[in-house]
Amino acid sequence: MKKPLTFPILLLLLLLPLSIHADCDCSNDSGDRDRSKALHLKIAAIASILIAGAIGVSLPILGKSFSALRPDRVFFFLVKAFAAGVILATGFIHVLPDAFENLTSPCLDPHPWGDFPFAGFGAMVAAIGTLMVDSFATGYYNRSHFNKARTVVMSEEGDVEEAELKSGGHVHVHTHTSHGHAHGSAEEGSGGGGVAELIRHRVISQVLELGIVVHSVIIGISLGASESPSTIRPLVAALSFHQFFEGMGLGGCIAQAKFKAKTIATMSLFFSLTTPVGIAIGIGIASSYNENSPTALIVEGILNSASAGILVYMALVDLLAADFMSPRMQCNGKLQLGANISLLLGAGLMSLLAKWA
């Protein structure tokens, strides 16, 4: 499950050389170009976004040190709802409109790009694809766990048969490691809801990181390639806010997934570095990059639309629906009200940032 996370970056890097040539008459916005001042702002952006992202993704993971951020606490639900609102607004307000702008640009041939809403179609296909990956991955890991559990039970077949004879069909399975026993049917013991929920959280966290990584790299490259201080300045604050709360959403999923320390560190570092690395790439290609070239517009538009579909699906289905429809929230009116307010606040603030970013 780790390999797919790097695929969008590798794809982007492979297509990047094709997208930096100015092969149409549309030129970059001149604006207030100041390369030296812009470079200082870009370096500040790298530091600010890196720190904000690292803190955001680390806080829920370090829940043992911050009791309020433990997955079983009310505050964790509220923070997760706020972060889900940020992710939802990112998909609808920031990424999807950019995809439409890219794929309907006058620099592109009106046939076929003006004949069909490719951005909306790409988002829809990505959302359906995410559903399929989500479903197949969860099913695969559930079946894998079930088969392992059956193997353990089969290895204890002699003990099970002996127990059934003595107890009249009631299974009494001995375990060599703990010298204990477990009552109940073998299938009930092997298909524990806790394990299924853990598998679900692991799939969610990895698919969510995939969607975040795609648009983070594109945002970073766009910022790094810009030579306009007036464009970069508001982006630094907006993207720092964005990375912090998006990181909290992802960190909450990683915390619930209970990965090993090495996997947690890898996923956290990967998230924290994507936008700064994108900015560094943008700085490196700033002199030759033309964001209005047809190839750049098509590549960015398709990746943006795919990212939007993934983010919208993950925010609504895996982050919000899972928590909002859980028995704990359904039975607690105050928690339900607080989570709804947090969701609206996160989505509203992230939408407001569209004025500057």
Foldseek 3Di string as FASTA:
>chain_A
DQVLLCVLVVVCVVLVVVFLAFPFPDFDDPAPFDQVVLVVLLVVLLVLLLVLLLQQQVVLLVCVVVVCSDPVHLNVLLLLLLLLLLLLLCLVQPLLVLLQCLLCPPRDDCVPSVVDSVLQVLLVVLLVVLVVLLVVQLVVVLVVQLVVLVVVCVVQVVVQVVVCVVVVHWGWGADPVPRHTDTDDSNPVRNDPLVSQLSSLVSLLSLLSSLLLLVLLVVLLVSLLDRHPLQSVLVSVLSSVSSNSNSNNSSNSVNSNPDDPVVSVVSSSSSSCRNSVSSVVNNVSNVRGGCSHSSNSNSSSSSSSSSSSSSNSSSPPVRCCVVLVDPVNVVDVVSNVSSVVSSCVSNVVSSVSSVRD
